[in-house]
PDB file of N, CA and C in Angstrom:
ATOM      1  N   MET A   1      35.842 -12.443 -30.063  1.00  0.00           N
ATOM      2  CA  MET A   1      35.113 -11.364 -29.114  1.00  0.00           C
ATOM      3  C   MET A   1      35.497 -11.901 -27.666  1.00  0.00           C
ATOM      4  N   THR A   2      35.759 -10.732 -26.882  1.00  0.00           N
ATOM      5  CA  THR A   2      35.939 -10.860 -25.286  1.00  0.00           C
ATOM      6  C   THR A   2      34.786 -10.721 -24.789  1.00  0.00           C
ATOM      7  N   THR A   3      34.817 -11.493 -23.876  1.00  0.00           N
ATOM      8  CA  THR A   3      33.314 -11.653 -23.044  1.00  0.00           C
ATOM      9  C   THR A   3      33.725 -11.928 -21.672  1.00  0.00           C
ATOM     10  N   HIS A   4      33.188 -10.792 -20.831  1.00  0.00           N
ATOM     11  CA  HIS A   4      33.537 -11.132 -19.113  1.00  0.00           C
ATOM     12  C   HIS A   4      32.317 -11.011 -18.675  1.00  0.00           C
ATOM     13  N   HIS A   5      32.358 -11.488 -17.610  1.00  0.00           N
ATOM     14  CA  HIS A   5      30.685 -11.086 -16.792  1.00  0.00           C
ATOM     15  C   HIS A   5      30.930 -10.035 -15.761  1.00  0.00           C
ATOM     16  N   CYS A   6      30.174  -8.962 -15.334  1.00  0.00           N
ATOM     17  CA  CYS A   6      29.780  -7.981 -14.469  1.00  0.00           C
ATOM     18  C   CYS A   6      28.533  -8.385 -13.614  1.00  0.00           C
ATOM     19  N   GLY A   7      28.698  -8.991 -12.554  1.00  0.00           N
ATOM     20  CA  GLY A   7      27.522  -9.268 -11.562  1.00  0.00           C
ATOM     21  C   GLY A   7      26.884 -10.495 -12.596  1.00  0.00           C
ATOM     22  N   ALA A   8      25.462 -10.308 -12.560  1.00  0.00           N
ATOM     23  CA  ALA A   8      24.534 -11.331 -13.553  1.00  0.00           C
ATOM     24  C   ALA A   8      24.705 -11.477 -14.798  1.00  0.00           C
ATOM     25  N   HIS A   9      25.273 -10.613 -15.590  1.00  0.00           N
ATOM     26  CA  HIS A   9      25.480 -10.414 -17.173  1.00  0.00           C
ATOM     27  C   HIS A   9      26.649 -10.514 -17.726  1.00  0.00           C
ATOM     28  N   SER A  10      26.655 -10.358 -18.951  1.00  0.00           N
ATOM     29  CA  SER A  10      27.909 -10.898 -19.484  1.00  0.00           C
ATOM     30  C   SER A  10      28.111  -9.756 -20.576  1.00  0.00           C
ATOM     31  N   HIS A  11      29.107  -9.046 -20.648  1.00  0.00           N
ATOM     32  CA  HIS A  11      29.456  -7.791 -21.820  1.00  0.00           C
ATOM     33  C   HIS A  11      30.318  -8.833 -22.875  1.00  0.00           C
ATOM     34  N   ALA A  12      29.847  -8.691 -23.844  1.00  0.00           N
ATOM     35  CA  ALA A  12      30.714  -8.949 -25.247  1.00  0.00           C
ATOM     36  C   ALA A  12      30.923  -7.656 -25.939  1.00  0.00           C
ATOM     37  N   SER A  13      32.274  -7.905 -26.696  1.00  0.00           N
ATOM     38  CA  SER A  13      33.089  -6.395 -26.716  1.00  0.00           C
ATOM     39  C   SER A  13      32.505  -5.634 -28.074  1.00  0.00           C
ATOM     40  N   GLU A  14      31.342  -6.212 -28.961  1.00  0.00           N
ATOM     41  CA  GLU A  14      30.511  -5.743 -30.057  1.00  0.00           C
ATOM     42  C   GLU A  14      29.286  -5.131 -29.253  1.00  0.00           C
ATOM     43  N   ASN A  15      29.159  -5.380 -27.891  1.00  0.00           N
ATOM     44  CA  ASN A  15      27.643  -4.867 -27.733  1.00  0.00           C
ATOM     45  C   ASN A  15      27.769  -4.479 -26.065  1.00  0.00           C
ATOM     46  N   HIS A  16      28.759  -3.275 -25.657  1.00  0.00           N
ATOM     47  CA  HIS A  16      28.757  -3.130 -24.623  1.00  0.00           C
ATOM     48  C   HIS A  16      28.385  -1.545 -23.965  1.00  0.00           C
ATOM     49  N   HIS A  17      27.341  -1.211 -24.747  1.00  0.00           N
ATOM     50  CA  HIS A  17      27.135   0.378 -24.536  1.00  0.00           C
ATOM     51  C   HIS A  17      25.510   0.380 -23.554  1.00  0.00           C
ATOM     52  N   ASP A  18      25.168  -0.788 -23.337  1.00  0.00           N
ATOM     53  CA  ASP A  18      23.988  -0.721 -22.507  1.00  0.00           C
ATOM     54  C   ASP A  18      24.066  -1.374 -21.288  1.00  0.00           C
ATOM     55  N   HIS A  19      24.881  -0.951 -20.410  1.00  0.00           N
ATOM     56  CA  HIS A  19      25.003  -1.434 -18.833  1.00  0.00           C
ATOM     57  C   HIS A  19      24.277  -1.227 -17.856  1.00  0.00           C
ATOM     58  N   SER A  20      23.445  -1.948 -17.370  1.00  0.00           N
ATOM     59  CA  SER A  20      22.857  -1.359 -16.129  1.00  0.00           C
ATOM     60  C   SER A  20      23.665  -0.806 -15.089  1.00  0.00           C
ATOM     61  N   HIS A  21      24.963  -1.073 -15.045  1.00  0.00           N
ATOM     62  CA  HIS A  21      25.955  -0.560 -13.839  1.00  0.00           C
ATOM     63  C   HIS A  21      26.556   0.644 -14.575  1.00  0.00           C
ATOM     64  N   ALA A  22      26.608   1.090 -15.762  1.00  0.00           N
ATOM     65  CA  ALA A  22      26.703   2.160 -16.195  1.00  0.00           C
ATOM     66  C   ALA A  22      26.021   3.452 -15.508  1.00  0.00           C
ATOM     67  N   PRO A  23      26.867   4.635 -15.158  1.00  0.00           N
ATOM     68  CA  PRO A  23      25.953   5.861 -14.547  1.00  0.00           C
ATOM     69  C   PRO A  23      24.848   5.996 -15.636  1.00  0.00           C
ATOM     70  N   SER A  24      23.851   6.772 -14.916  1.00  0.00           N
ATOM     71  CA  SER A  24      22.583   7.317 -16.091  1.00  0.00           C
ATOM     72  C   SER A  24      22.856   8.668 -16.769  1.00  0.00           C
ATOM     73  N   PRO A  25      22.367   8.614 -17.856  1.00  0.00           N
ATOM     74  CA  PRO A  25      22.773   9.847 -18.694  1.00  0.00           C
ATOM     75  C   PRO A  25      22.568  11.034 -17.842  1.00  0.00           C
ATOM     76  N   GLU A  26      21.809  11.185 -16.968  1.00  0.00           N
ATOM     77  CA  GLU A  26      21.423  12.408 -16.319  1.00  0.00           C
ATOM     78  C   GLU A  26      23.081  12.497 -15.419  1.00  0.00           C
ATOM     79  N   LYS A  27      23.153  11.995 -14.388  1.00  0.00           N
ATOM     80  CA  LYS A  27      24.457  11.958 -13.779  1.00  0.00           C
ATOM     81  C   LYS A  27      25.642  12.113 -14.606  1.00  0.00           C
ATOM     82  N   LEU A  28      25.800  11.872 -15.744  1.00  0.00           N
ATOM     83  CA  LEU A  28      26.648  12.153 -16.560  1.00  0.00           C
ATOM     84  C   LEU A  28      26.786  13.321 -17.148  1.00  0.00           C
ATOM     85  N   ALA A  29      25.479  13.841 -17.165  1.00  0.00           N
ATOM     86  CA  ALA A  29      25.453  15.420 -17.820  1.00  0.00           C
ATOM     87  C   ALA A  29      26.043  16.133 -16.659  1.00  0.00           C
ATOM     88  N   ALA A  30      25.796  15.807 -15.341  1.00  0.00           N
ATOM     89  CA  ALA A  30      25.956  16.630 -14.389  1.00  0.00           C
ATOM     90  C   ALA A  30      27.396  16.769 -13.883  1.00  0.00           C
ATOM     91  N   ALA A  31      28.128  15.536 -14.180  1.00  0.00           N
ATOM     92  CA  ALA A  31      29.555  15.420 -13.745  1.00  0.00           C
ATOM     93  C   ALA A  31      30.225  16.239 -15.017  1.00  0.00           C
ATOM     94  N   SER A  32      31.359  16.837 -14.493  1.00  0.00           N
ATOM     95  CA  SER A  32      32.237  17.834 -15.576  1.00  0.00           C
ATOM     96  C   SER A  32      33.221  16.690 -16.000  1.00  0.00           C
ATOM     97  N   SER A  33      34.040  16.868 -17.332  1.00  0.00           N
ATOM     98  CA  SER A  33      34.285  15.938 -17.901  1.00  0.00           C
ATOM     99  C   SER A  33      35.606  15.325 -16.911  1.00  0.00           C
ATOM    100  N   GLU A  34      36.145  16.145 -15.917  1.00  0.00           N
ATOM    101  CA  GLU A  34      37.218  15.920 -15.340  1.00  0.00           C
ATOM    102  C   GLU A  34      36.964  14.732 -14.245  1.00  0.00           C
ATOM    103  N   LYS A  35      35.627  14.475 -14.084  1.00  0.00           N
ATOM    104  CA  LYS A  35      35.096  13.880 -12.845  1.00  0.00           C
ATOM    105  C   LYS A  35      34.790  12.518 -13.842  1.00  0.00           C
ATOM    106  N   VAL A  36      34.693  12.530 -14.902  1.00  0.00           N
ATOM    107  CA  VAL A  36      34.380  10.860 -15.793  1.00  0.00           C
ATOM    108  C   VAL A  36      35.252  10.445 -16.354  1.00  0.00           C
ATOM    109  N   ALA A  37      35.641   9.075 -16.444  1.00  0.00           N
ATOM    110  CA  ALA A  37      36.378   8.197 -17.569  1.00  0.00           C
ATOM    111  C   ALA A  37      35.978   7.459 -18.316  1.00  0.00           C
ATOM    112  N   GLU A  38      36.746   6.926 -19.103  1.00  0.00           N
ATOM    113  CA  GLU A  38      36.236   5.946 -20.003  1.00  0.00           C
ATOM    114  C   GLU A  38      36.954   4.395 -19.614  1.00  0.00           C
ATOM    115  N   CYS A  39      36.126   3.338 -19.067  1.00  0.00           N
ATOM    116  CA  CYS A  39      36.454   2.251 -18.618  1.00  0.00           C
ATOM    117  C   CYS A  39      37.535   1.440 -19.992  1.00  0.00           C
ATOM    118  N   PRO A  40      38.903   1.329 -18.936  1.00  0.00           N
ATOM    119  CA  PRO A  40      39.938   0.699 -20.269  1.00  0.00           C
ATOM    120  C   PRO A  40      39.536  -0.501 -20.723  1.00  0.00           C
ATOM    121  N   VAL A  41      38.761  -1.387 -19.886  1.00  0.00           N
ATOM    122  CA  VAL A  41      38.554  -2.601 -20.589  1.00  0.00           C
ATOM    123  C   VAL A  41      37.260  -2.613 -21.425  1.00  0.00           C
ATOM    124  N   MET A  42      36.259  -1.939 -20.928  1.00  0.00           N
ATOM    125  CA  MET A  42      35.148  -1.699 -21.707  1.00  0.00           C
ATOM    126  C   MET A  42      34.786  -0.316 -22.340  1.00  0.00           C
ATOM    127  N   GLU A  43      35.672  -0.330 -23.493  1.00  0.00           N
ATOM    128  CA  GLU A  43      35.784   1.202 -24.016  1.00  0.00           C
ATOM    129  C   GLU A  43      34.446   1.360 -24.518  1.00  0.00           C
ATOM    130  N   GLY A  44      34.220   2.835 -24.222  1.00  0.00           N
ATOM    131  CA  GLY A  44      32.754   3.124 -24.876  1.00  0.00           C
ATOM    132  C   GLY A  44      31.651   3.493 -23.575  1.00  0.00           C
ATOM    133  N   THR A  45      32.416   2.910 -22.197  1.00  0.00           N
ATOM    134  CA  THR A  45      31.528   2.607 -21.119  1.00  0.00           C
ATOM    135  C   THR A  45      32.340   3.922 -20.076  1.00  0.00           C
ATOM    136  N   LEU A  46      31.262   4.796 -20.005  1.00  0.00           N
ATOM    137  CA  LEU A  46      31.907   6.110 -19.091  1.00  0.00           C
ATOM    138  C   LEU A  46      31.582   5.357 -17.329  1.00  0.00           C
ATOM    139  N   VAL A  47      32.684   6.048 -16.661  1.00  0.00           N
ATOM    140  CA  VAL A  47      32.380   5.600 -15.394  1.00  0.00           C
ATOM    141  C   VAL A  47      32.284   6.978 -14.567  1.00  0.00           C
ATOM    142  N   ILE A  48      31.737   7.467 -13.628  1.00  0.00           N
ATOM    143  CA  ILE A  48      32.246   8.770 -12.485  1.00  0.00           C
ATOM    144  C   ILE A  48      33.225   8.284 -11.719  1.00  0.00           C
ATOM    145  N   LYS A  49      34.454   9.001 -11.940  1.00  0.00           N
ATOM    146  CA  LYS A  49      35.430   8.570 -11.168  1.00  0.00           C
ATOM    147  C   LYS A  49      35.317   8.163  -9.567  1.00  0.00           C
ATOM    148  N   ALA A  50      34.671   9.187  -8.894  1.00  0.00           N
ATOM    149  CA  ALA A  50      34.248   9.213  -7.556  1.00  0.00           C
ATOM    150  C   ALA A  50      33.484   8.011  -7.256  1.00  0.00           C
ATOM    151  N   GLU A  51      32.408   7.620  -7.868  1.00  0.00           N
ATOM    152  CA  GLU A  51      31.637   6.385  -7.654  1.00  0.00           C
ATOM    153  C   GLU A  51      32.751   5.019  -7.743  1.00  0.00           C
ATOM    154  N   ALA A  52      33.629   4.770  -8.977  1.00  0.00           N
ATOM    155  CA  ALA A  52      34.085   4.079  -9.156  1.00  0.00           C
ATOM    156  C   ALA A  52      35.165   3.581  -7.743  1.00  0.00           C
ATOM    157  N   GLU A  53      35.875   5.024  -7.365  1.00  0.00           N
ATOM    158  CA  GLU A  53      36.750   5.004  -6.167  1.00  0.00           C
ATOM    159  C   GLU A  53      36.054   4.491  -4.945  1.00  0.00           C
ATOM    160  N   GLN A  54      35.018   4.905  -4.735  1.00  0.00           N
ATOM    161  CA  GLN A  54      34.102   4.313  -3.560  1.00  0.00           C
ATOM    162  C   GLN A  54      33.875   2.641  -3.750  1.00  0.00           C
ATOM    163  N   ALA A  55      33.914   2.234  -4.757  1.00  0.00           N
ATOM    164  CA  ALA A  55      33.601   0.820  -5.006  1.00  0.00           C
ATOM    165  C   ALA A  55      34.736  -0.326  -5.124  1.00  0.00           C
ATOM    166  N   GLY A  56      35.867   0.701  -5.212  1.00  0.00           N
ATOM    167  CA  GLY A  56      36.891  -0.089  -5.170  1.00  0.00           C
ATOM    168  C   GLY A  56      37.320  -0.286  -6.842  1.00  0.00           C
ATOM    169  N   LEU A  57      36.778   0.166  -7.850  1.00  0.00           N
ATOM    170  CA  LEU A  57      37.085  -0.031  -9.596  1.00  0.00           C
ATOM    171  C   LEU A  57      37.787   0.769 -10.068  1.00  0.00           C
ATOM    172  N   TYR A  58      38.981   0.641  -9.350  1.00  0.00           N
ATOM    173  CA  TYR A  58      40.126   1.318  -9.920  1.00  0.00           C
ATOM    174  C   TYR A  58      41.486   0.685  -9.852  1.00  0.00           C
ATOM    175  N   ARG A  59      42.393   1.087 -10.814  1.00  0.00           N
ATOM    176  CA  ARG A  59      43.739   0.490 -10.793  1.00  0.00           C
ATOM    177  C   ARG A  59      44.790   1.273 -11.009  1.00  0.00           C
ATOM    178  N   GLU A  60      46.038   0.900 -10.781  1.00  0.00           N
ATOM    179  CA  GLU A  60      47.224   2.050 -10.517  1.00  0.00           C
ATOM    180  C   GLU A  60      48.097   1.128 -11.402  1.00  0.00           C
ATOM    181  N   TYR A  61      48.482   1.896 -12.785  1.00  0.00           N
ATOM    182  CA  TYR A  61      49.673   1.088 -13.740  1.00  0.00           C
ATOM    183  C   TYR A  61      50.475   2.387 -14.213  1.00  0.00           C
ATOM    184  N   GLN A  62      51.644   2.097 -14.110  1.00  0.00           N
ATOM    185  CA  GLN A  62      52.513   3.091 -14.495  1.00  0.00           C
ATOM    186  C   GLN A  62      52.816   4.478 -14.103  1.00  0.00           C
ATOM    187  N   GLY A  63      51.813   4.584 -12.720  1.00  0.00           N
ATOM    188  CA  GLY A  63      51.645   5.699 -12.089  1.00  0.00           C
ATOM    189  C   GLY A  63      50.860   6.440 -12.778  1.00  0.00           C
ATOM    190  N   LYS A  64      49.440   5.976 -13.201  1.00  0.00           N
ATOM    191  CA  LYS A  64      48.334   6.223 -13.613  1.00  0.00           C
ATOM    192  C   LYS A  64      47.339   5.793 -13.159  1.00  0.00           C
ATOM    193  N   ARG A  65      46.051   6.379 -13.249  1.00  0.00           N
ATOM    194  CA  ARG A  65      44.764   5.660 -12.376  1.00  0.00           C
ATOM    195  C   ARG A  65      43.860   5.384 -13.531  1.00  0.00           C
ATOM    196  N   TYR A  66      43.319   4.209 -13.344  1.00  0.00           N
ATOM    197  CA  TYR A  66      42.544   3.748 -14.443  1.00  0.00           C
ATOM    198  C   TYR A  66      41.141   3.341 -13.549  1.00  0.00           C
ATOM    199  N   TRP A  67      40.146   3.869 -14.021  1.00  0.00           N
ATOM    200  CA  TRP A  67      38.827   3.418 -13.507  1.00  0.00           C
ATOM    201  C   TRP A  67      37.967   2.787 -14.336  1.00  0.00           C
ATOM    202  N   LEU A  68      37.349   1.430 -13.527  1.00  0.00           N
ATOM    203  CA  LEU A  68      36.638   0.510 -13.902  1.00  0.00           C
ATOM    204  C   LEU A  68      35.471   0.499 -13.971  1.00  0.00           C
ATOM    205  N   CYS A  69      34.244  -0.066 -14.660  1.00  0.00           N
ATOM    206  CA  CYS A  69      32.775   0.094 -14.836  1.00  0.00           C
ATOM    207  C   CYS A  69      32.492  -1.086 -14.049  1.00  0.00           C
ATOM    208  N   CYS A  70      33.051  -1.924 -13.731  1.00  0.00           N
ATOM    209  CA  CYS A  70      32.278  -2.879 -12.859  1.00  0.00           C
ATOM    210  C   CYS A  70      33.604  -3.740 -12.386  1.00  0.00           C
ATOM    211  N   GLU A  71      33.136  -4.960 -11.514  1.00  0.00           N
ATOM    212  CA  GLU A  71      34.049  -5.845 -10.692  1.00  0.00           C
ATOM    213  C   GLU A  71      34.749  -6.733 -11.639  1.00  0.00           C
ATOM    214  N   GLY A  72      34.107  -7.312 -12.822  1.00  0.00           N
ATOM    215  CA  GLY A  72      34.554  -7.640 -14.138  1.00  0.00           C
ATOM    216  C   GLY A  72      35.430  -7.586 -14.840  1.00  0.00           C
ATOM    217  N   CYS A  73      35.799  -6.056 -14.823  1.00  0.00           N
ATOM    218  CA  CYS A  73      36.757  -5.695 -15.335  1.00  0.00           C
ATOM    219  C   CYS A  73      38.249  -5.801 -14.582  1.00  0.00           C
ATOM    220  N   GLY A  74      38.004  -5.557 -13.404  1.00  0.00           N
ATOM    221  CA  GLY A  74      39.283  -5.758 -12.549  1.00  0.00           C
ATOM    222  C   GLY A  74      40.365  -6.921 -13.099  1.00  0.00           C
ATOM    223  N   PRO A  75      39.728  -7.783 -12.996  1.00  0.00           N
ATOM    224  CA  PRO A  75      40.678  -8.934 -13.322  1.00  0.00           C
ATOM    225  C   PRO A  75      41.302  -9.005 -14.957  1.00  0.00           C
ATOM    226  N   LEU A  76      40.613  -8.806 -15.633  1.00  0.00           N
ATOM    227  CA  LEU A  76      40.935  -8.851 -16.943  1.00  0.00           C
ATOM    228  C   LEU A  76      42.086  -7.713 -16.882  1.00  0.00           C
ATOM    229  N   PHE A  77      42.058  -6.665 -16.233  1.00  0.00           N
ATOM    230  CA  PHE A  77      43.015  -5.327 -16.390  1.00  0.00           C
ATOM    231  C   PHE A  77      44.154  -5.818 -15.783  1.00  0.00           C
ATOM    232  N   ASP A  78      44.123  -6.365 -14.752  1.00  0.00           N
ATOM    233  CA  ASP A  78      45.022  -6.982 -13.663  1.00  0.00           C
ATOM    234  C   ASP A  78      46.297  -8.032 -14.545  1.00  0.00           C
ATOM    235  N   ALA A  79      45.484  -8.826 -15.477  1.00  0.00           N
ATOM    236  CA  ALA A  79      46.209  -9.792 -16.021  1.00  0.00           C
ATOM    237  C   ALA A  79      46.780  -9.333 -16.991  1.00  0.00           C
ATOM    238  N   SER A  80      46.576  -8.598 -17.935  1.00  0.00           N
ATOM    239  CA  SER A  80      47.069  -7.803 -19.012  1.00  0.00           C
ATOM    240  C   SER A  80      47.157  -6.031 -18.844  1.00  0.00           C
ATOM    241  N   PRO A  81      47.655  -5.503 -17.990  1.00  0.00           N
ATOM    242  CA  PRO A  81      47.439  -3.962 -17.851  1.00  0.00           C
ATOM    243  C   PRO A  81      47.909  -3.103 -19.051  1.00  0.00           C
ATOM    244  N   GLU A  82      49.195  -3.717 -19.574  1.00  0.00           N
ATOM    245  CA  GLU A  82      49.840  -3.021 -20.979  1.00  0.00           C
ATOM    246  C   GLU A  82      48.666  -3.090 -21.866  1.00  0.00           C
ATOM    247  N   GLU A  83      47.646  -4.272 -21.928  1.00  0.00           N
ATOM    248  CA  GLU A  83      46.580  -3.982 -23.068  1.00  0.00           C
ATOM    249  C   GLU A  83      45.615  -3.060 -23.019  1.00  0.00           C
ATOM    250  N   TYR A  84      45.368  -2.687 -21.555  1.00  0.00           N
ATOM    251  CA  TYR A  84      44.329  -1.971 -21.557  1.00  0.00           C
ATOM    252  C   TYR A  84      44.853  -0.543 -21.018  1.00  0.00           C
ATOM    253  N   ALA A  85      45.951   0.070 -20.720  1.00  0.00           N
ATOM    254  CA  ALA A  85      46.548   0.874 -20.415  1.00  0.00           C
ATOM    255  C   ALA A  85      46.548   2.055 -21.460  1.00  0.00           C
ATOM    256  N   HIS A  86      46.485   1.863 -22.781  1.00  0.00           N
ATOM    257  CA  HIS A  86      46.382   2.557 -23.719  1.00  0.00           C
ATOM    258  C   HIS A  86      44.975   3.535 -23.725  1.00  0.00           C
ATOM    259  N   SER A  87      44.233   3.305 -22.811  1.00  0.00           N
ATOM    260  CA  SER A  87      42.856   3.813 -22.926  1.00  0.00           C
ATOM    261  C   SER A  87      42.370   4.572 -21.554  1.00  0.00           C
ATOM    262  N   GLY A  88      41.737   5.187 -21.632  1.00  0.00           N
ATOM    263  CA  GLY A  88      41.037   6.044 -19.999  1.00  0.00           C
ATOM    264  C   GLY A  88      41.562   7.347 -19.966  1.00  0.00           C
TER     265      GLY A  88
END
């Protein structure tokens, strides 16, 4: 099981759909599909690209941008970008 911390809570790979930092269903519904991405580290967690960029929650790898759901995902992506680059 992969676990990492986002703020004061942790994420376990089997239970990563209830994120308090994930966009609300209303925000996701209002955003067009090209404005939303899936976090490559916490698969299944949707991210509004503009919000992630404002917070610095994105990485570039091999010419492609990946948007992250929280600060805890950054170090994990940085340590093994090839592991996470298949997503997003």
